[in-house]
Amino acid sequence: MAEEKVKMRKQLGLLEGIAIILGIIFGSGIFISPREVIEKTGSVWGALTVWGVCGILATLGALSYAELGTTLAQSGGDYHYINEAYGALPAFLYLWDAIVVFVPSTNAIMALTFANNVLSPIFPSCPIEPLSKKLIAAATICLLTFINAYDVKITTRVQNVFMFTKIAALAVIIIGGIVWMARGGVEHFEDGWAGTSTSVGDWSVAFYSGIFSYSGWSYLNFMTEELRDPFKNLPRAIYISLPLVTGIYLLANVAYMAVLGPVGVKATEAIAVDFAVVALGFMRWLMPTLVAVATVGGLSVHIMASSRMCFAGARNGHMPELLAHINFKCMTPLPSLLFLMLISLVMLIPDNLTTLITYCTVVESFFTTLSCSAVLWLRYKKPHLPRPIKVQVWIPSLFVLVSTILLVVPIMSEPVAVVAGALMTLLGVPVYFAFIWTRPQIIQNLSIKFTHTCQKLFLSAVEDKED
């Protein structure tokens, strides 16, 4: 029997692709952002408008990424596209922001949300010790990292179950809202524009909250090399997932507004649980369980997809060489998974992660805009590249235009977030020139010794090149 090459296996089909997109998008955002959106827009119809427009914007971005993912068919997502279009330094800065803040902070937030929804029904009448939440969150991150490292196929099978569970949770909310409105509970929609905010800054923050809930639509592009027939399955997964997400989000928010009203949505700390208390009666215990399942499913697929970004960066020399290695028994990027796990555990230490995420939201949106602009730049720079999928030019153009406007407005309304995010990104510049551009000999020697030691520990090796 021929020896198997050390490389990523193509073991993800269309259903797994859809599950990955839905698994990340249906995370904790839909259970957190409605409050922020209604607070900033000020009205029911204003909030629903934001949810609809964010869905359209996410679809335009995802269509642009479908062209990028089939034209540059390598794992790595945004990192790979920025590197190909604009060069090494912008690509490294994206990787720097993502690995230092975006990915581990999101992992920590999801794990803590899961822990809170597990403990709250058990101890409904007493405060929960923060250390208990953090310990459960840490154990969850470690367990999901182990499962991802052991077998991608197991992860994707479990993810399929999580996907349908999440849809079921949102279906319960939607059906509950429909029944409520059928019984006459439509008073909150009769003057739905009342109280609408006239502040451009408030509306921009509302859009960022909505965009946060849709984030994850690009993550399947991180795993292109593991997708069977990516030229067909990548765009199909996008075409199915994004309209489905937009419809479900709109209907879920209609249900929230019908049952709780704008005042109730603004006052809630756990919107799905409060919805269940009012609308589901004796079944209210079900909602914390479903939210916990939805969150842990999103965390699992986020760990899987983000490790491929780290892997791709190391393969291009922008991260330590070890992170580009694959465990030759499981054929998974074990070093990258463990590296991100350790940073995620560190992110559990501070008590307020939400502030950190807010500071970086603008920067993350900037890099997403930069990635989509790569569609236009590569059409000019490399017109002869084979493009199995070629979207109409207005799609990435409109996405880049709207996203740029949303980037400019917060400079006036949220200057602290913009400045903090910019400084965090700029800190990566001296790191790049000190360790990537110049590569001091002492760093290279230490890296070689460390890599050889970890190779034996992790049973890992660099991937085999194609013949």
Protein backbone atom coordinates (compact mmCIF):
# COMPACT_ATOMS: atom_id res chain seq x y z
CA MET A 1 0.00 0.00 0.00
CA ALA A 2 1.35 3.40 -0.97
CA GLU A 3 2.40 5.63 1.91
CA GLU A 4 -0.04 8.46 2.50
CA LYS A 5 1.34 11.92 1.92
CA VAL A 6 1.45 14.37 4.81
CA LYS A 7 -1.15 16.89 3.67
CA MET A 8 -4.70 18.06 4.37
CA ARG A 9 -7.34 15.55 3.34
CA LYS A 10 -10.24 16.60 1.09
CA GLN A 11 -13.03 15.33 3.30
CA LEU A 12 -15.54 18.20 3.42
CA GLY A 13 -18.59 18.08 1.15
CA LEU A 14 -21.43 20.52 0.47
CA LEU A 15 -23.33 19.70 3.67
CA GLU A 16 -20.18 20.13 5.77
CA GLY A 17 -19.48 23.44 3.99
CA ILE A 18 -22.96 24.73 4.81
CA ALA A 19 -22.58 23.47 8.39
CA ILE A 20 -19.29 25.37 8.78
CA ILE A 21 -20.79 28.66 7.56
CA LEU A 22 -23.99 28.30 9.58
CA GLY A 23 -22.06 26.91 12.54
CA ILE A 24 -20.00 30.08 12.89
CA ILE A 25 -22.70 32.61 11.96
CA PHE A 26 -25.28 31.01 14.28
CA GLY A 27 -23.02 31.53 17.26
CA SER A 28 -23.75 33.95 20.05
CA GLY A 29 -24.36 37.09 17.93
CA ILE A 30 -28.09 36.67 17.38
CA PHE A 31 -28.50 36.30 21.16
CA ILE A 32 -26.43 39.42 21.96
CA SER A 33 -26.71 42.03 19.17
CA PRO A 34 -30.52 42.69 19.00
CA ARG A 35 -30.32 44.82 22.14
CA GLU A 36 -27.52 47.01 20.74
CA VAL A 37 -29.23 47.37 17.35
CA ILE A 38 -32.57 48.56 18.80
CA GLU A 39 -30.80 50.90 21.25
CA LYS A 40 -28.88 52.64 18.46
CA THR A 41 -31.61 52.77 15.80
CA GLY A 42 -34.36 53.66 18.29
CA SER A 43 -37.25 51.98 16.49
CA VAL A 44 -38.62 48.56 15.53
CA TRP A 45 -38.54 49.10 11.78
CA GLY A 46 -35.15 50.79 12.01
CA ALA A 47 -33.73 47.72 13.74
CA LEU A 48 -35.27 45.33 11.20
CA THR A 49 -33.86 47.47 8.39
CA VAL A 50 -30.38 47.10 9.85
CA TRP A 51 -30.75 43.30 10.03
CA GLY A 52 -31.92 43.11 6.42
CA VAL A 53 -29.21 45.41 5.04
CA CYS A 54 -26.50 43.56 7.00
CA GLY A 55 -27.71 40.32 5.45
CA ILE A 56 -27.52 41.81 1.95
CA LEU A 57 -24.05 43.20 2.70
CA ALA A 58 -22.85 39.83 3.99
CA THR A 59 -24.20 38.15 0.84
CA LEU A 60 -22.35 40.61 -1.42
CA GLY A 61 -19.15 39.99 0.53
CA ALA A 62 -19.61 36.23 0.42
CA LEU A 63 -20.15 36.29 -3.35
CA SER A 64 -16.90 38.25 -3.72
CA TYR A 65 -15.15 35.68 -1.56
CA ALA A 66 -16.52 32.91 -3.79
CA GLU A 67 -14.50 34.38 -6.68
CA LEU A 68 -11.41 34.75 -4.48
CA GLY A 69 -11.76 31.25 -3.04
CA THR A 70 -11.95 29.57 -6.44
CA THR A 71 -9.34 31.80 -8.10
CA LEU A 72 -6.82 31.47 -5.25
CA ALA A 73 -7.76 27.96 -4.14
CA GLN A 74 -5.57 27.65 -1.05
CA SER A 75 -6.46 27.59 2.62
CA GLY A 76 -5.98 30.79 4.60
CA GLY A 77 -8.94 32.96 3.59
CA ASP A 78 -8.36 36.71 4.00
CA TYR A 79 -4.68 36.23 4.79
CA HIS A 80 -4.01 34.46 1.50
CA TYR A 81 -6.01 36.96 -0.58
CA ILE A 82 -4.39 40.03 0.97
CA ASN A 83 -0.94 38.47 0.56
CA GLU A 84 -1.57 37.70 -3.12
CA ALA A 85 -3.04 41.12 -3.92
CA TYR A 86 -1.16 43.58 -1.71
CA GLY A 87 1.96 41.83 -0.47
CA ALA A 88 3.53 40.44 2.66
CA LEU A 89 3.25 43.32 5.16
CA PRO A 90 -0.56 43.88 4.92
CA ALA A 91 -1.05 40.10 5.04
CA PHE A 92 1.11 39.83 8.16
CA LEU A 93 -0.78 42.69 9.84
CA TYR A 94 -4.06 40.87 9.21
CA LEU A 95 -2.55 37.71 10.68
CA TRP A 96 -1.19 39.70 13.64
CA ASP A 97 -4.57 41.22 14.48
CA ALA A 98 -6.43 37.96 13.96
CA ILE A 99 -4.16 35.74 16.03
CA VAL A 100 -3.41 38.22 18.81
CA VAL A 101 -6.99 39.44 19.29
CA PHE A 102 -9.82 38.40 16.94
CA VAL A 103 -9.60 34.62 17.08
CA PRO A 104 -8.68 33.97 20.74
CA SER A 105 -11.04 36.66 22.05
CA THR A 106 -13.93 35.22 20.05
CA ASN A 107 -13.08 31.73 21.32
CA ALA A 108 -13.05 33.02 24.90
CA ILE A 109 -16.36 34.91 24.49
CA MET A 110 -18.08 31.86 23.00
CA ALA A 111 -16.73 29.55 25.70
CA LEU A 112 -17.83 31.89 28.50
CA THR A 113 -21.29 32.26 26.92
CA PHE A 114 -21.56 28.48 26.84
CA ALA A 115 -20.48 28.20 30.48
CA ASN A 116 -22.99 30.86 31.56
CA ASN A 117 -25.88 29.09 29.79
CA VAL A 118 -24.87 25.77 31.35
CA LEU A 119 -24.61 27.12 34.90
CA SER A 120 -27.56 29.56 34.94
CA PRO A 121 -30.34 26.90 34.87
CA ILE A 122 -28.49 24.89 37.55
CA PHE A 123 -28.10 27.90 39.90
CA PRO A 124 -31.06 30.13 38.96
CA SER A 125 -31.30 32.04 42.23
CA CYS A 126 -27.69 32.70 43.22
CA PRO A 127 -24.74 34.51 41.62
CA ILE A 128 -22.22 32.34 39.80
CA GLU A 129 -18.58 32.59 40.74
CA PRO A 130 -16.64 33.98 37.72
CA LEU A 131 -13.84 31.46 38.29
CA SER A 132 -16.33 28.62 37.81
CA LYS A 133 -17.35 30.02 34.44
CA LYS A 134 -13.74 30.41 33.39
CA LEU A 135 -12.82 26.85 34.39
CA ILE A 136 -15.74 25.40 32.41
CA ALA A 137 -14.87 27.66 29.47
CA ALA A 138 -11.23 26.53 29.59
CA ALA A 139 -12.21 22.85 29.72
CA THR A 140 -14.54 23.39 26.75
CA ILE A 141 -11.82 25.03 24.64
CA CYS A 142 -9.38 22.21 25.47
CA LEU A 143 -11.90 19.46 24.69
CA LEU A 144 -12.95 20.97 21.35
CA THR A 145 -9.29 21.52 20.40
CA PHE A 146 -8.60 17.83 21.11
CA ILE A 147 -11.56 16.73 18.97
CA ASN A 148 -10.45 19.01 16.12
CA ALA A 149 -6.90 17.71 16.34
CA TYR A 150 -7.97 14.06 16.49
CA ASP A 151 -10.20 13.88 13.42
CA VAL A 152 -11.72 16.54 11.16
CA LYS A 153 -14.37 14.06 10.05
CA ILE A 154 -15.67 13.63 13.62
CA THR A 155 -15.75 17.40 14.04
CA THR A 156 -17.75 17.94 10.87
CA ARG A 157 -20.21 15.16 11.73
CA VAL A 158 -20.81 16.69 15.15
CA GLN A 159 -21.05 20.10 13.48
CA ASN A 160 -23.86 18.85 11.24
CA VAL A 161 -25.81 17.94 14.39
CA PHE A 162 -25.05 21.34 15.93
CA MET A 163 -26.20 23.09 12.74
CA PHE A 164 -29.65 21.50 12.84
CA THR A 165 -29.89 22.10 16.61
CA LYS A 166 -29.16 25.81 16.12
CA ILE A 167 -31.73 26.08 13.37
CA ALA A 168 -34.20 24.28 15.67
CA ALA A 169 -33.50 26.81 18.46
CA LEU A 170 -34.16 29.73 16.15
CA ALA A 171 -37.18 27.92 14.71
CA VAL A 172 -38.64 27.70 18.24
CA ILE A 173 -38.20 31.48 18.57
CA ILE A 174 -39.72 32.16 15.14
CA ILE A 175 -42.71 29.84 15.66
CA GLY A 176 -43.26 31.28 19.12
CA GLY A 177 -43.31 34.77 17.62
CA ILE A 178 -45.71 33.77 14.84
CA VAL A 179 -48.12 32.21 17.35
CA TRP A 180 -47.85 35.33 19.53
CA MET A 181 -48.68 37.62 16.60
CA ALA A 182 -51.48 35.32 15.42
CA ARG A 183 -53.09 35.86 18.81
CA GLY A 184 -53.04 39.61 18.23
CA GLY A 185 -49.64 40.61 19.57
CA VAL A 186 -48.75 43.07 16.80
CA GLU A 187 -49.04 46.38 18.67
CA HIS A 188 -45.29 47.02 18.57
CA PHE A 189 -45.34 47.19 14.75
CA GLU A 190 -48.23 49.65 14.40
CA ASP A 191 -46.02 52.74 14.78
CA GLY A 192 -42.76 51.00 14.07
CA TRP A 193 -40.74 54.07 13.04
CA ALA A 194 -41.49 55.99 16.25
CA GLY A 195 -38.32 57.02 18.09
CA THR A 196 -35.99 56.46 15.12
CA SER A 197 -32.54 57.91 15.78
CA THR A 198 -31.26 60.65 13.47
CA SER A 199 -27.62 60.18 14.51
CA VAL A 200 -25.40 58.79 11.74
CA GLY A 201 -22.94 57.64 14.39
CA ASP A 202 -25.62 55.62 16.21
CA TRP A 203 -26.70 53.96 12.98
CA SER A 204 -23.10 53.03 12.13
CA VAL A 205 -22.69 51.35 15.54
CA ALA A 206 -25.98 49.51 14.95
CA PHE A 207 -24.68 48.25 11.63
CA TYR A 208 -21.47 47.03 13.29
CA SER A 209 -23.54 45.10 15.83
CA GLY A 210 -25.53 43.52 13.02
CA ILE A 211 -22.41 42.73 11.01
CA PHE A 212 -20.94 41.05 14.11
CA SER A 213 -23.89 38.65 14.16
CA TYR A 214 -23.32 37.75 10.49
CA SER A 215 -19.56 37.33 10.89
CA GLY A 216 -18.30 33.94 9.83
CA TRP A 217 -19.53 33.94 6.23
CA SER A 218 -15.91 33.95 5.00
CA TYR A 219 -14.60 31.11 7.19
CA LEU A 220 -15.19 28.30 4.71
CA ASN A 221 -12.55 30.00 2.53
CA PHE A 222 -10.00 29.19 5.24
CA MET A 223 -10.48 25.49 4.43
CA THR A 224 -10.59 25.45 0.63
CA GLU A 225 -7.90 22.77 0.37
CA GLU A 226 -10.02 20.38 2.47
CA LEU A 227 -13.21 20.94 0.45
CA ARG A 228 -14.15 18.36 -2.14
CA ASP A 229 -14.75 19.94 -5.56
CA PRO A 230 -14.33 23.50 -4.18
CA PHE A 231 -15.22 25.16 -7.50
CA LYS A 232 -18.78 23.83 -7.08
CA ASN A 233 -19.23 23.33 -3.34
CA LEU A 234 -17.79 26.66 -2.15
CA PRO A 235 -20.23 28.90 -4.08
CA ARG A 236 -23.13 26.50 -3.52
CA ALA A 237 -22.56 26.58 0.25
CA ILE A 238 -22.57 30.39 0.10
CA TYR A 239 -25.68 30.62 -2.11
CA ILE A 240 -27.60 28.35 0.27
CA SER A 241 -26.30 29.67 3.61
CA LEU A 242 -26.50 33.46 3.34
CA PRO A 243 -30.15 33.84 2.19
CA LEU A 244 -31.10 31.25 4.82
CA VAL A 245 -29.28 33.18 7.55
CA THR A 246 -30.78 36.52 6.50
CA GLY A 247 -34.32 35.14 6.49
CA ILE A 248 -33.92 33.43 9.86
CA TYR A 249 -32.36 36.51 11.48
CA LEU A 250 -35.14 38.78 10.24
CA LEU A 251 -37.87 36.42 11.45
CA ALA A 252 -36.13 35.90 14.82
CA ASN A 253 -35.94 39.65 15.38
CA VAL A 254 -39.58 40.08 14.38
CA ALA A 255 -40.39 37.46 17.05
CA TYR A 256 -38.25 39.26 19.65
CA MET A 257 -39.98 42.58 18.91
CA ALA A 258 -43.48 41.08 18.93
CA VAL A 259 -43.07 39.31 22.28
CA LEU A 260 -40.77 41.63 24.26
CA GLY A 261 -41.28 44.91 22.41
CA PRO A 262 -38.52 47.49 21.93
CA VAL A 263 -38.47 48.35 25.65
CA GLY A 264 -38.12 44.69 26.62
CA VAL A 265 -35.37 44.07 24.07
CA LYS A 266 -33.43 47.10 25.34
CA ALA A 267 -33.74 45.93 28.95
CA THR A 268 -32.78 42.29 28.51
CA GLU A 269 -29.42 40.75 29.35
CA ALA A 270 -30.32 37.34 27.85
CA ILE A 271 -32.84 37.92 25.09
CA ALA A 272 -33.52 34.29 24.16
CA VAL A 273 -34.11 33.31 27.79
CA ASP A 274 -36.40 36.30 28.46
CA PHE A 275 -38.28 35.51 25.24
CA ALA A 276 -38.76 31.93 26.43
CA VAL A 277 -40.06 33.04 29.84
CA VAL A 278 -42.76 35.19 28.21
CA ALA A 279 -43.68 33.12 25.16
CA LEU A 280 -42.90 29.46 25.93
CA GLY A 281 -44.24 29.08 29.46
CA PHE A 282 -43.34 25.67 30.90
CA MET A 283 -40.81 25.11 28.07
CA ARG A 284 -38.70 28.08 29.12
CA TRP A 285 -35.98 25.73 30.43
CA LEU A 286 -35.34 24.65 26.84
CA MET A 287 -33.87 27.92 25.61
CA PRO A 288 -30.67 28.11 27.76
CA THR A 289 -29.90 24.55 26.65
CA LEU A 290 -30.37 25.37 22.97
CA VAL A 291 -28.32 28.58 23.27
CA ALA A 292 -25.52 26.59 24.97
CA VAL A 293 -25.55 24.03 22.14
CA ALA A 294 -25.55 26.78 19.51
CA THR A 295 -22.59 28.49 21.15
CA VAL A 296 -20.45 25.40 21.63
CA GLY A 297 -21.13 24.42 18.00
CA GLY A 298 -19.97 27.83 16.83
CA LEU A 299 -16.88 27.57 19.01
CA SER A 300 -15.98 24.16 17.58
CA VAL A 301 -16.09 25.24 13.97
CA HIS A 302 -14.36 28.55 14.80
CA ILE A 303 -11.44 26.62 16.31
CA MET A 304 -11.27 24.37 13.25
CA ALA A 305 -11.39 27.12 10.61
CA SER A 306 -9.13 29.67 12.34
CA SER A 307 -6.33 27.14 12.83
CA ARG A 308 -6.07 26.89 9.01
CA MET A 309 -5.43 30.63 8.83
CA CYS A 310 -2.56 30.24 11.31
CA PHE A 311 -1.31 27.24 9.31
CA ALA A 312 -1.35 29.22 6.05
CA GLY A 313 0.56 32.12 7.62
CA ALA A 314 3.29 29.80 8.90
CA ARG A 315 3.53 28.11 5.50
CA ASN A 316 4.37 31.53 3.99
CA GLY A 317 6.98 32.30 6.65
CA HIS A 318 4.86 34.83 8.58
CA MET A 319 4.58 32.63 11.66
CA PRO A 320 6.96 30.10 13.29
CA GLU A 321 7.66 27.16 10.97
CA LEU A 322 6.24 24.69 13.49
CA LEU A 323 2.73 26.05 12.95
CA ALA A 324 2.86 24.89 9.30
CA HIS A 325 3.33 21.26 10.40
CA ILE A 326 0.72 18.50 10.24
CA ASN A 327 0.34 15.58 12.60
CA PHE A 328 1.16 12.60 10.36
CA LYS A 329 -1.29 10.26 12.11
CA CYS A 330 -4.40 12.44 12.13
CA MET A 331 -3.43 14.72 9.19
CA THR A 332 -4.53 17.81 11.13
CA PRO A 333 -2.59 21.04 11.90
CA LEU A 334 -2.01 20.04 15.54
CA PRO A 335 0.64 22.70 16.39
CA SER A 336 -1.60 25.52 15.11
CA LEU A 337 -4.57 24.18 17.05
CA LEU A 338 -2.57 23.99 20.29
CA PHE A 339 -1.05 27.44 19.74
CA LEU A 340 -4.47 29.08 19.34
CA MET A 341 -5.79 27.07 22.28
CA LEU A 342 -3.11 28.50 24.59
CA ILE A 343 -3.78 32.10 23.51
CA SER A 344 -7.54 31.54 23.93
CA LEU A 345 -6.96 30.30 27.48
CA VAL A 346 -4.96 33.44 28.24
CA MET A 347 -7.89 35.54 26.96
CA LEU A 348 -10.08 34.01 29.67
CA ILE A 349 -8.05 35.80 32.37
CA PRO A 350 -9.46 39.38 32.04
CA ASP A 351 -13.03 40.00 33.21
CA ASN A 352 -14.13 42.27 30.36
CA LEU A 353 -13.47 40.85 26.90
CA THR A 354 -16.29 42.77 25.24
CA THR A 355 -14.30 46.02 25.33
CA LEU A 356 -11.36 44.33 23.62
CA ILE A 357 -13.62 43.03 20.86
CA THR A 358 -15.16 46.50 20.39
CA TYR A 359 -11.74 48.06 19.90
CA CYS A 360 -10.92 45.58 17.16
CA THR A 361 -14.24 45.47 15.31
CA VAL A 362 -13.31 48.41 13.08
CA VAL A 363 -9.92 46.88 12.22
CA GLU A 364 -11.48 43.51 11.40
CA SER A 365 -13.97 45.23 9.12
CA PHE A 366 -11.10 47.10 7.48
CA PHE A 367 -9.35 43.86 6.55
CA THR A 368 -12.59 42.33 5.27
CA THR A 369 -13.03 45.38 3.04
CA LEU A 370 -9.41 45.07 1.91
CA SER A 371 -9.96 41.40 1.04
CA CYS A 372 -13.02 42.17 -1.09
CA SER A 373 -11.18 44.99 -2.83
CA ALA A 374 -8.66 42.33 -3.86
CA VAL A 375 -11.28 41.07 -6.35
CA LEU A 376 -11.06 44.40 -8.19
CA TRP A 377 -7.30 44.79 -7.83
CA LEU A 378 -6.52 41.26 -9.07
CA ARG A 379 -8.79 41.78 -12.08
CA TYR A 380 -6.49 44.70 -12.97
CA LYS A 381 -3.19 43.27 -11.76
CA LYS A 382 -3.63 39.65 -12.95
CA PRO A 383 -6.37 39.62 -15.58
CA HIS A 384 -5.30 36.25 -16.99
CA LEU A 385 -5.77 34.28 -13.75
CA PRO A 386 -8.26 31.41 -14.25
CA ARG A 387 -11.51 32.43 -12.57
CA PRO A 388 -13.94 29.50 -12.30
CA ILE A 389 -16.40 31.95 -10.70
CA LYS A 390 -16.43 35.56 -11.89
CA VAL A 391 -18.94 37.81 -10.16
CA GLN A 392 -20.24 40.99 -11.72
CA VAL A 393 -17.95 43.89 -10.88
CA TRP A 394 -20.69 45.88 -9.12
CA ILE A 395 -20.90 43.25 -6.35
CA PRO A 396 -17.42 43.77 -4.79
CA SER A 397 -17.57 47.49 -5.72
CA LEU A 398 -20.79 48.06 -3.77
CA PHE A 399 -19.51 46.01 -0.81
CA VAL A 400 -16.26 48.00 -0.67
CA LEU A 401 -18.12 51.33 -0.99
CA VAL A 402 -20.63 50.61 1.79
CA SER A 403 -17.97 49.07 4.06
CA THR A 404 -15.69 52.08 3.56
CA ILE A 405 -18.50 54.44 4.57
CA LEU A 406 -19.07 52.33 7.69
CA LEU A 407 -15.34 52.57 8.44
CA VAL A 408 -15.19 56.36 8.08
CA VAL A 409 -18.24 57.26 10.19
CA PRO A 410 -16.97 55.73 13.50
CA ILE A 411 -13.94 58.04 13.36
CA MET A 412 -16.32 60.72 14.62
CA SER A 413 -18.67 58.63 16.77
CA GLU A 414 -16.24 56.04 18.22
CA PRO A 415 -12.76 57.65 18.02
CA VAL A 416 -11.37 55.59 20.92
CA ALA A 417 -12.21 52.31 19.18
CA VAL A 418 -10.69 53.49 15.91
CA VAL A 419 -7.47 54.77 17.51
CA ALA A 420 -7.04 51.70 19.72
CA GLY A 421 -7.61 49.36 16.77
CA ALA A 422 -5.19 51.31 14.57
CA LEU A 423 -2.49 51.29 17.26
CA MET A 424 -2.93 47.57 17.80
CA THR A 425 -2.44 46.98 14.08
CA LEU A 426 0.57 49.30 13.85
CA LEU A 427 2.27 47.41 16.69
CA GLY A 428 2.63 44.58 14.19
CA VAL A 429 4.86 46.66 11.90
CA PRO A 430 8.02 46.58 14.12
CA VAL A 431 7.36 42.89 14.83
CA TYR A 432 7.31 42.20 11.09
CA PHE A 433 10.57 44.01 10.37
CA ALA A 434 12.33 42.64 13.47
CA PHE A 435 11.40 38.96 13.12
CA ILE A 436 10.06 38.35 9.59
CA TRP A 437 11.91 40.76 7.31
CA THR A 438 15.39 40.56 8.86
CA ARG A 439 15.21 37.11 10.52
CA PRO A 440 18.14 37.43 13.01
CA GLN A 441 20.38 34.36 13.10
CA ILE A 442 19.89 33.80 16.81
CA ILE A 443 16.10 33.68 16.27
CA GLN A 444 16.54 31.21 13.42
CA ASN A 445 18.75 28.93 15.52
CA LEU A 446 16.33 28.94 18.45
CA SER A 447 13.42 28.34 16.09
CA ILE A 448 15.11 25.29 14.55
CA LYS A 449 15.82 23.72 17.93
CA PHE A 450 12.32 24.43 19.19
CA THR A 451 10.77 23.05 16.00
CA HIS A 452 12.76 19.81 16.16
CA THR A 453 11.75 19.27 19.79
CA CYS A 454 8.08 19.91 19.11
CA GLN A 455 8.11 17.69 16.00
CA LYS A 456 8.93 14.73 18.22
CA LEU A 457 6.39 15.79 20.84
CA PHE A 458 3.52 16.37 18.39
CA LEU A 459 4.48 13.70 15.82
CA SER A 460 4.29 16.39 13.16
CA ALA A 461 6.00 17.12 9.88
CA VAL A 462 5.88 19.73 7.13
CA GLU A 463 3.30 18.90 4.46
CA ASP A 464 4.39 17.07 1.31
CA LYS A 465 4.51 19.22 -1.79
CA GLU A 466 2.49 18.32 -4.86
CA ASP A 467 4.36 16.38 -7.53
